[in-house]
């Protein structure tokens, strides 16, 4: 009997490796929009982050989110991401 491997991802805020299901995916869609992907299946370039607000702040401060998604993020979109992640916690 084979043991299934659990997918691991790294949080871009705190750099901790966790199970994929424990993290929230933020994706840049092919249209260039940055959105929170709760299903983990949307098309586009994705980055994983813990649901803790401190991890989002650390990723924004170090510009890790912009680097991971290869795009610049407007202040309005940053506040929308903060609000969406705040609703998840």
PDB file of N, CA and C in Angstrom:
ATOM      1  N   UNK A   1       0.842  -1.182   0.000  1.00  0.00           N
ATOM      2  CA  UNK A   1       0.000   0.000   0.000  1.00  0.00           C
ATOM      3  C   UNK A   1       0.883   1.240   0.000  1.00  0.00           C
ATOM      4  N   UNK A   2       0.582   2.175  -0.888  1.00  0.00           N
ATOM      5  CA  UNK A   2       1.375   3.397  -0.991  1.00  0.00           C
ATOM      6  C   UNK A   2       0.826   4.481  -0.082  1.00  0.00           C
ATOM      7  N   UNK A   3       1.734   5.261   0.480  1.00  0.00           N
ATOM      8  CA  UNK A   3       1.344   6.390   1.312  1.00  0.00           C
ATOM      9  C   UNK A   3       1.299   7.625   0.417  1.00  0.00           C
ATOM     10  N   UNK A   4       0.175   8.340   0.456  1.00  0.00           N
ATOM     11  CA  UNK A   4       0.036   9.540  -0.373  1.00  0.00           C
ATOM     12  C   UNK A   4       0.878  10.668   0.185  1.00  0.00           C
ATOM     13  N   UNK A   5       1.554  11.350  -0.689  1.00  0.00           N
ATOM     14  CA  UNK A   5       2.371  12.485  -0.307  1.00  0.00           C
ATOM     15  C   UNK A   5       1.469  13.705  -0.182  1.00  0.00           C
ATOM     16  N   UNK A   6       1.641  14.473   0.907  1.00  0.00           N
ATOM     17  CA  UNK A   6       0.838  15.664   1.139  1.00  0.00           C
ATOM     18  C   UNK A   6       1.561  16.854   0.500  1.00  0.00           C
ATOM     19  N   UNK A   7       0.887  17.631  -0.371  1.00  0.00           N
ATOM     20  CA  UNK A   7       1.544  18.767  -1.006  1.00  0.00           C
ATOM     21  C   UNK A   7       1.979  19.811   0.022  1.00  0.00           C
ATOM     22  N   UNK A   8       3.206  20.306  -0.126  1.00  0.00           N
ATOM     23  CA  UNK A   8       3.765  21.309   0.767  1.00  0.00           C
ATOM     24  C   UNK A   8       3.966  22.613  -0.011  1.00  0.00           C
ATOM     25  N   UNK A   9       3.736  23.738   0.634  1.00  0.00           N
ATOM     26  CA  UNK A   9       3.970  25.048   0.042  1.00  0.00           C
ATOM     27  C   UNK A   9       4.628  25.935   1.086  1.00  0.00           C
ATOM     28  N   UNK A  10       5.308  26.981   0.627  1.00  0.00           N
ATOM     29  CA  UNK A  10       5.982  27.918   1.516  1.00  0.00           C
ATOM     30  C   UNK A  10       5.217  29.230   1.562  1.00  0.00           C
ATOM     31  N   UNK A  11       4.950  29.725   2.754  1.00  0.00           N
ATOM     32  CA  UNK A  11       4.299  31.027   2.931  1.00  0.00           C
ATOM     33  C   UNK A  11       5.301  32.110   2.529  1.00  0.00           C
ATOM     34  N   UNK A  12       4.868  33.057   1.698  1.00  0.00           N
ATOM     35  CA  UNK A  12       5.790  34.105   1.268  1.00  0.00           C
ATOM     36  C   UNK A  12       5.988  35.176   2.332  1.00  0.00           C
ATOM     37  N   UNK A  13       5.185  35.142   3.389  1.00  0.00           N
ATOM     38  CA  UNK A  13       5.327  36.105   4.477  1.00  0.00           C
ATOM     39  C   UNK A  13       6.308  35.655   5.530  1.00  0.00           C
ATOM     40  N   UNK A  14       6.068  34.461   6.105  1.00  0.00           N
ATOM     41  CA  UNK A  14       6.898  33.966   7.207  1.00  0.00           C
ATOM     42  C   UNK A  14       7.909  32.915   6.759  1.00  0.00           C
ATOM     43  N   UNK A  15       7.836  32.469   5.500  1.00  0.00           N
ATOM     44  CA  UNK A  15       8.749  31.489   4.918  1.00  0.00           C
ATOM     45  C   UNK A  15       8.665  30.115   5.568  1.00  0.00           C
ATOM     46  N   UNK A  16       7.556  29.796   6.227  1.00  0.00           N
ATOM     47  CA  UNK A  16       7.378  28.474   6.821  1.00  0.00           C
ATOM     48  C   UNK A  16       6.750  27.540   5.800  1.00  0.00           C
ATOM     49  N   UNK A  17       7.229  26.302   5.775  1.00  0.00           N
ATOM     50  CA  UNK A  17       6.657  25.287   4.896  1.00  0.00           C
ATOM     51  C   UNK A  17       5.497  24.632   5.632  1.00  0.00           C
ATOM     52  N   UNK A  18       4.340  24.619   4.981  1.00  0.00           N
ATOM     53  CA  UNK A  18       3.129  24.050   5.578  1.00  0.00           C
ATOM     54  C   UNK A  18       2.397  23.231   4.528  1.00  0.00           C
ATOM     55  N   UNK A  19       1.386  22.520   4.985  1.00  0.00           N
ATOM     56  CA  UNK A  19       0.552  21.792   4.044  1.00  0.00           C
ATOM     57  C   UNK A  19      -0.218  22.791   3.190  1.00  0.00           C
ATOM     58  N   UNK A  20      -0.430  22.428   1.946  1.00  0.00           N
ATOM     59  CA  UNK A  20      -1.095  23.319   1.001  1.00  0.00           C
ATOM     60  C   UNK A  20      -2.473  23.756   1.494  1.00  0.00           C
ATOM     61  N   UNK A  21      -3.193  22.871   2.167  1.00  0.00           N
ATOM     62  CA  UNK A  21      -4.549  23.190   2.640  1.00  0.00           C
ATOM     63  C   UNK A  21      -4.556  24.218   3.763  1.00  0.00           C
ATOM     64  N   UNK A  22      -3.429  24.385   4.457  1.00  0.00           N
ATOM     65  CA  UNK A  22      -3.359  25.347   5.567  1.00  0.00           C
ATOM     66  C   UNK A  22      -3.128  26.777   5.080  1.00  0.00           C
ATOM     67  N   UNK A  23      -2.748  26.932   3.819  1.00  0.00           N
ATOM     68  CA  UNK A  23      -2.399  28.240   3.279  1.00  0.00           C
ATOM     69  C   UNK A  23      -3.491  28.762   2.347  1.00  0.00           C
ATOM     70  N   UNK A  24      -3.464  30.061   2.123  1.00  0.00           N
ATOM     71  CA  UNK A  24      -4.396  30.724   1.211  1.00  0.00           C
ATOM     72  C   UNK A  24      -3.619  31.093  -0.043  1.00  0.00           C
ATOM     73  N   UNK A  25      -4.202  30.850  -1.201  1.00  0.00           N
ATOM     74  CA  UNK A  25      -3.537  31.161  -2.469  1.00  0.00           C
ATOM     75  C   UNK A  25      -4.014  32.520  -2.975  1.00  0.00           C
ATOM     76  N   UNK A  26      -3.055  33.338  -3.347  1.00  0.00           N
ATOM     77  CA  UNK A  26      -3.355  34.614  -4.002  1.00  0.00           C
ATOM     78  C   UNK A  26      -2.871  34.460  -5.434  1.00  0.00           C
ATOM     79  N   UNK A  27      -3.722  34.789  -6.387  1.00  0.00           N
ATOM     80  CA  UNK A  27      -3.410  34.515  -7.789  1.00  0.00           C
ATOM     81  C   UNK A  27      -3.511  35.778  -8.627  1.00  0.00           C
ATOM     82  N   UNK A  28      -2.608  35.888  -9.606  1.00  0.00           N
ATOM     83  CA  UNK A  28      -2.718  36.916 -10.649  1.00  0.00           C
ATOM     84  C   UNK A  28      -3.292  36.207 -11.867  1.00  0.00           C
ATOM     85  N   UNK A  29      -4.505  36.583 -12.217  1.00  0.00           N
ATOM     86  CA  UNK A  29      -5.205  35.933 -13.330  1.00  0.00           C
ATOM     87  C   UNK A  29      -4.550  36.320 -14.655  1.00  0.00           C
ATOM     88  N   UNK A  30      -4.854  35.581 -15.717  1.00  0.00           N
ATOM     89  CA  UNK A  30      -4.315  35.941 -17.033  1.00  0.00           C
ATOM     90  C   UNK A  30      -4.700  37.360 -17.476  1.00  0.00           C
ATOM     91  N   UNK A  31      -5.796  37.902 -16.921  1.00  0.00           N
ATOM     92  CA  UNK A  31      -6.206  39.268 -17.242  1.00  0.00           C
ATOM     93  C   UNK A  31      -5.409  40.299 -16.443  1.00  0.00           C
ATOM     94  N   UNK A  32      -4.612  39.848 -15.473  1.00  0.00           N
ATOM     95  CA  UNK A  32      -3.785  40.757 -14.679  1.00  0.00           C
ATOM     96  C   UNK A  32      -4.391  41.156 -13.349  1.00  0.00           C
ATOM     97  N   UNK A  33      -5.537  40.606 -12.997  1.00  0.00           N
ATOM     98  CA  UNK A  33      -6.206  40.936 -11.743  1.00  0.00           C
ATOM     99  C   UNK A  33      -5.631  40.077 -10.612  1.00  0.00           C
ATOM    100  N   UNK A  34      -5.444  40.674  -9.440  1.00  0.00           N
ATOM    101  CA  UNK A  34      -4.933  39.955  -8.273  1.00  0.00           C
ATOM    102  C   UNK A  34      -6.105  39.657  -7.345  1.00  0.00           C
ATOM    103  N   UNK A  35      -6.355  38.355  -7.098  1.00  0.00           N
ATOM    104  CA  UNK A  35      -7.500  37.940  -6.289  1.00  0.00           C
ATOM    105  C   UNK A  35      -7.098  36.831  -5.328  1.00  0.00           C
ATOM    106  N   UNK A  36      -7.892  36.666  -4.266  1.00  0.00           N
ATOM    107  CA  UNK A  36      -7.714  35.556  -3.339  1.00  0.00           C
ATOM    108  C   UNK A  36      -8.431  34.350  -3.931  1.00  0.00           C
ATOM    109  N   UNK A  37      -7.729  33.219  -3.985  1.00  0.00           N
ATOM    110  CA  UNK A  37      -8.270  31.994  -4.569  1.00  0.00           C
ATOM    111  C   UNK A  37      -8.473  30.970  -3.458  1.00  0.00           C
ATOM    112  N   UNK A  38      -9.690  30.854  -2.965  1.00  0.00           N
ATOM    113  CA  UNK A  38      -9.970  29.925  -1.870  1.00  0.00           C
ATOM    114  C   UNK A  38     -10.009  28.475  -2.345  1.00  0.00           C
ATOM    115  N   UNK A  39     -10.299  28.249  -3.628  1.00  0.00           N
ATOM    116  CA  UNK A  39     -10.357  26.882  -4.146  1.00  0.00           C
ATOM    117  C   UNK A  39      -8.973  26.344  -4.471  1.00  0.00           C
ATOM    118  N   UNK A  40      -8.031  27.233  -4.780  1.00  0.00           N
ATOM    119  CA  UNK A  40      -6.693  26.801  -5.148  1.00  0.00           C
ATOM    120  C   UNK A  40      -6.600  26.289  -6.568  1.00  0.00           C
ATOM    121  N   UNK A  41      -7.612  26.561  -7.388  1.00  0.00           N
ATOM    122  CA  UNK A  41      -7.654  26.010  -8.736  1.00  0.00           C
ATOM    123  C   UNK A  41      -7.783  27.055  -9.846  1.00  0.00           C
ATOM    124  N   UNK A  42      -7.825  28.328  -9.495  1.00  0.00           N
ATOM    125  CA  UNK A  42      -7.971  29.346 -10.531  1.00  0.00           C
ATOM    126  C   UNK A  42      -6.737  29.385 -11.418  1.00  0.00           C
ATOM    127  N   UNK A  43      -6.952  29.738 -12.671  1.00  0.00           N
ATOM    128  CA  UNK A  43      -5.843  29.843 -13.614  1.00  0.00           C
ATOM    129  C   UNK A  43      -5.032  31.096 -13.310  1.00  0.00           C
ATOM    130  N   UNK A  44      -3.738  30.988 -13.460  1.00  0.00           N
ATOM    131  CA  UNK A  44      -2.876  32.139 -13.263  1.00  0.00           C
ATOM    132  C   UNK A  44      -1.695  31.821 -12.365  1.00  0.00           C
ATOM    133  N   UNK A  45      -0.873  32.824 -12.147  1.00  0.00           N
ATOM    134  CA  UNK A  45       0.321  32.682 -11.319  1.00  0.00           C
ATOM    135  C   UNK A  45      -0.068  32.873  -9.859  1.00  0.00           C
ATOM    136  N   UNK A  46       0.292  31.928  -9.010  1.00  0.00           N
ATOM    137  CA  UNK A  46      -0.147  31.971  -7.632  1.00  0.00           C
ATOM    138  C   UNK A  46       0.981  32.080  -6.626  1.00  0.00           C
ATOM    139  N   UNK A  47       0.632  32.552  -5.447  1.00  0.00           N
ATOM    140  CA  UNK A  47       1.540  32.620  -4.307  1.00  0.00           C
ATOM    141  C   UNK A  47       0.743  32.210  -3.081  1.00  0.00           C
ATOM    142  N   UNK A  48       1.405  31.548  -2.162  1.00  0.00           N
ATOM    143  CA  UNK A  48       0.728  31.046  -0.964  1.00  0.00           C
ATOM    144  C   UNK A  48       1.123  31.865   0.250  1.00  0.00           C
ATOM    145  N   UNK A  49       0.147  32.076   1.133  1.00  0.00           N
ATOM    146  CA  UNK A  49       0.380  32.877   2.329  1.00  0.00           C
ATOM    147  C   UNK A  49      -0.479  32.328   3.470  1.00  0.00           C
ATOM    148  N   UNK A  50       0.025  32.450   4.688  1.00  0.00           N
ATOM    149  CA  UNK A  50      -0.752  32.049   5.869  1.00  0.00           C
ATOM    150  C   UNK A  50      -1.951  32.990   5.995  1.00  0.00           C
ATOM    151  N   UNK A  51      -2.956  32.548   6.697  1.00  0.00           N
ATOM    152  CA  UNK A  51      -4.136  33.401   6.873  1.00  0.00           C
ATOM    153  C   UNK A  51      -3.917  34.462   7.951  1.00  0.00           C
ATOM    154  N   UNK A  52      -2.770  34.449   8.615  1.00  0.00           N
ATOM    155  CA  UNK A  52      -2.464  35.442   9.653  1.00  0.00           C
ATOM    156  C   UNK A  52      -2.184  36.804   9.014  1.00  0.00           C
ATOM    157  N   UNK A  53      -2.769  37.877   9.537  1.00  0.00           N
ATOM    158  CA  UNK A  53      -2.525  39.209   8.976  1.00  0.00           C
ATOM    159  C   UNK A  53      -1.053  39.618   9.021  1.00  0.00           C
ATOM    160  N   UNK A  54      -0.305  39.127   9.999  1.00  0.00           N
ATOM    161  CA  UNK A  54       1.109  39.475  10.102  1.00  0.00           C
ATOM    162  C   UNK A  54       1.897  38.958   8.904  1.00  0.00           C
ATOM    163  N   UNK A  55       1.534  37.809   8.379  1.00  0.00           N
ATOM    164  CA  UNK A  55       2.231  37.260   7.210  1.00  0.00           C
ATOM    165  C   UNK A  55       1.974  38.117   5.968  1.00  0.00           C
ATOM    166  N   UNK A  56       0.741  38.580   5.800  1.00  0.00           N
ATOM    167  CA  UNK A  56       0.430  39.450   4.661  1.00  0.00           C
ATOM    168  C   UNK A  56       1.209  40.744   4.768  1.00  0.00           C
ATOM    169  N   UNK A  57       1.255  41.321   5.962  1.00  0.00           N
ATOM    170  CA  UNK A  57       1.985  42.575   6.150  1.00  0.00           C
ATOM    171  C   UNK A  57       3.475  42.397   5.869  1.00  0.00           C
ATOM    172  N   UNK A  58       4.041  41.271   6.320  1.00  0.00           N
ATOM    173  CA  UNK A  58       5.459  41.002   6.072  1.00  0.00           C
ATOM    174  C   UNK A  58       5.724  40.843   4.574  1.00  0.00           C
ATOM    175  N   UNK A  59       4.837  40.164   3.876  1.00  0.00           N
ATOM    176  CA  UNK A  59       4.994  39.960   2.434  1.00  0.00           C
ATOM    177  C   UNK A  59       4.862  41.277   1.673  1.00  0.00           C
ATOM    178  N   UNK A  60       3.969  42.148   2.123  1.00  0.00           N
ATOM    179  CA  UNK A  60       3.797  43.441   1.458  1.00  0.00           C
ATOM    180  C   UNK A  60       4.979  44.369   1.742  1.00  0.00           C
ATOM    181  N   UNK A  61       5.450  44.361   2.986  1.00  0.00           N
ATOM    182  CA  UNK A  61       6.558  45.225   3.378  1.00  0.00           C
ATOM    183  C   UNK A  61       7.823  44.896   2.578  1.00  0.00           C
ATOM    184  N   UNK A  62       8.091  43.616   2.384  1.00  0.00           N
ATOM    185  CA  UNK A  62       9.290  43.185   1.664  1.00  0.00           C
ATOM    186  C   UNK A  62       9.048  43.065   0.159  1.00  0.00           C
ATOM    187  N   UNK A  63       7.845  43.440  -0.303  1.00  0.00           N
ATOM    188  CA  UNK A  63       7.472  43.350  -1.723  1.00  0.00           C
ATOM    189  C   UNK A  63       7.543  41.915  -2.253  1.00  0.00           C
ATOM    190  N   UNK A  64       7.418  40.930  -1.358  1.00  0.00           N
ATOM    191  CA  UNK A  64       7.465  39.527  -1.770  1.00  0.00           C
ATOM    192  C   UNK A  64       6.248  39.130  -2.607  1.00  0.00           C
ATOM    193  N   UNK A  65       5.100  39.679  -2.281  1.00  0.00           N
ATOM    194  CA  UNK A  65       3.895  39.335  -3.040  1.00  0.00           C
ATOM    195  C   UNK A  65       4.001  39.831  -4.475  1.00  0.00           C
ATOM    196  N   UNK A  66       4.461  41.061  -4.653  1.00  0.00           N
ATOM    197  CA  UNK A  66       4.631  41.604  -6.001  1.00  0.00           C
ATOM    198  C   UNK A  66       5.672  40.799  -6.780  1.00  0.00           C
ATOM    199  N   UNK A  67       6.742  40.402  -6.108  1.00  0.00           N
ATOM    200  CA  UNK A  67       7.795  39.634  -6.765  1.00  0.00           C
ATOM    201  C   UNK A  67       7.278  38.248  -7.156  1.00  0.00           C
ATOM    202  N   UNK A  68       6.529  37.613  -6.281  1.00  0.00           N
ATOM    203  CA  UNK A  68       6.029  36.265  -6.554  1.00  0.00           C
ATOM    204  C   UNK A  68       5.015  36.257  -7.700  1.00  0.00           C
ATOM    205  N   UNK A  69       4.222  37.322  -7.803  1.00  0.00           N
ATOM    206  CA  UNK A  69       3.194  37.385  -8.844  1.00  0.00           C
ATOM    207  C   UNK A  69       3.666  38.100 -10.108  1.00  0.00           C
ATOM    208  N   UNK A  70       4.872  38.640 -10.092  1.00  0.00           N
ATOM    209  CA  UNK A  70       5.431  39.370 -11.240  1.00  0.00           C
ATOM    210  C   UNK A  70       4.524  40.508 -11.703  1.00  0.00           C
ATOM    211  N   UNK A  71       4.022  41.293 -10.752  1.00  0.00           N
ATOM    212  CA  UNK A  71       3.159  42.423 -11.084  1.00  0.00           C
ATOM    213  C   UNK A  71       3.207  43.439  -9.954  1.00  0.00           C
ATOM    214  N   UNK A  72       2.822  44.665 -10.261  1.00  0.00           N
ATOM    215  CA  UNK A  72       2.693  45.664  -9.202  1.00  0.00           C
ATOM    216  C   UNK A  72       1.245  45.646  -8.712  1.00  0.00           C
ATOM    217  N   UNK A  73       1.078  45.910  -7.422  1.00  0.00           N
ATOM    218  CA  UNK A  73      -0.251  45.844  -6.817  1.00  0.00           C
ATOM    219  C   UNK A  73      -0.616  47.233  -6.308  1.00  0.00           C
ATOM    220  N   UNK A  74      -1.782  47.722  -6.705  1.00  0.00           N
ATOM    221  CA  UNK A  74      -2.226  49.060  -6.320  1.00  0.00           C
ATOM    222  C   UNK A  74      -2.603  49.100  -4.843  1.00  0.00           C
ATOM    223  N   UNK A  75      -2.527  50.281  -4.214  1.00  0.00           N
ATOM    224  CA  UNK A  75      -2.931  50.406  -2.804  1.00  0.00           C
ATOM    225  C   UNK A  75      -4.386  49.996  -2.567  1.00  0.00           C
ATOM    226  N   UNK A  76      -5.271  50.243  -3.548  1.00  0.00           N
ATOM    227  CA  UNK A  76      -6.666  49.842  -3.398  1.00  0.00           C
ATOM    228  C   UNK A  76      -6.783  48.323  -3.347  1.00  0.00           C
ATOM    229  N   UNK A  77      -6.016  47.635  -4.189  1.00  0.00           N
ATOM    230  CA  UNK A  77      -6.059  46.173  -4.216  1.00  0.00           C
ATOM    231  C   UNK A  77      -5.446  45.599  -2.943  1.00  0.00           C
ATOM    232  N   UNK A  78      -4.418  46.252  -2.402  1.00  0.00           N
ATOM    233  CA  UNK A  78      -3.806  45.810  -1.151  1.00  0.00           C
ATOM    234  C   UNK A  78      -4.821  45.878  -0.019  1.00  0.00           C
ATOM    235  N   UNK A  79      -5.575  46.972   0.054  1.00  0.00           N
ATOM    236  CA  UNK A  79      -6.591  47.078   1.114  1.00  0.00           C
ATOM    237  C   UNK A  79      -7.699  46.041   0.915  1.00  0.00           C
ATOM    238  N   UNK A  80      -8.043  45.740  -0.339  1.00  0.00           N
ATOM    239  CA  UNK A  80      -9.056  44.710  -0.606  1.00  0.00           C
ATOM    240  C   UNK A  80      -8.533  43.326  -0.191  1.00  0.00           C
ATOM    241  N   UNK A  81      -7.255  43.051  -0.438  1.00  0.00           N
ATOM    242  CA  UNK A  81      -6.670  41.773  -0.016  1.00  0.00           C
ATOM    243  C   UNK A  81      -6.666  41.648   1.497  1.00  0.00           C
ATOM    244  N   UNK A  82      -6.318  42.751   2.190  1.00  0.00           N
ATOM    245  CA  UNK A  82      -6.336  42.737   3.657  1.00  0.00           C
ATOM    246  C   UNK A  82      -7.735  42.411   4.174  1.00  0.00           C
ATOM    247  N   UNK A  83      -8.733  43.016   3.556  1.00  0.00           N
ATOM    248  CA  UNK A  83     -10.112  42.794   3.992  1.00  0.00           C
ATOM    249  C   UNK A  83     -10.543  41.349   3.722  1.00  0.00           C
ATOM    250  N   UNK A  84     -10.214  40.819   2.543  1.00  0.00           N
ATOM    251  CA  UNK A  84     -10.594  39.445   2.205  1.00  0.00           C
ATOM    252  C   UNK A  84      -9.923  38.453   3.140  1.00  0.00           C
ATOM    253  N   UNK A  85      -8.635  38.646   3.421  1.00  0.00           N
ATOM    254  CA  UNK A  85      -7.934  37.734   4.328  1.00  0.00           C
ATOM    255  C   UNK A  85      -8.442  37.892   5.750  1.00  0.00           C
ATOM    256  N   UNK A  86      -8.865  39.082   6.119  1.00  0.00           N
ATOM    257  CA  UNK A  86      -9.441  39.304   7.451  1.00  0.00           C
ATOM    258  C   UNK A  86     -10.754  38.557   7.627  1.00  0.00           C
ATOM    259  N   UNK A  87     -11.511  38.402   6.536  1.00  0.00           N
ATOM    260  CA  UNK A  87     -12.771  37.669   6.598  1.00  0.00           C
ATOM    261  C   UNK A  87     -12.555  36.169   6.713  1.00  0.00           C
ATOM    262  N   UNK A  88     -11.407  35.687   6.244  1.00  0.00           N
ATOM    263  CA  UNK A  88     -11.108  34.253   6.292  1.00  0.00           C
ATOM    264  C   UNK A  88     -10.777  33.817   7.715  1.00  0.00           C
ATOM    265  N   UNK A  89     -10.044  34.672   8.429  1.00  0.00           N
ATOM    266  CA  UNK A  89      -9.578  34.301   9.779  1.00  0.00           C
ATOM    267  C   UNK A  89     -10.688  34.196  10.730  1.00  0.00           C
TER     268      UNK A  89
END
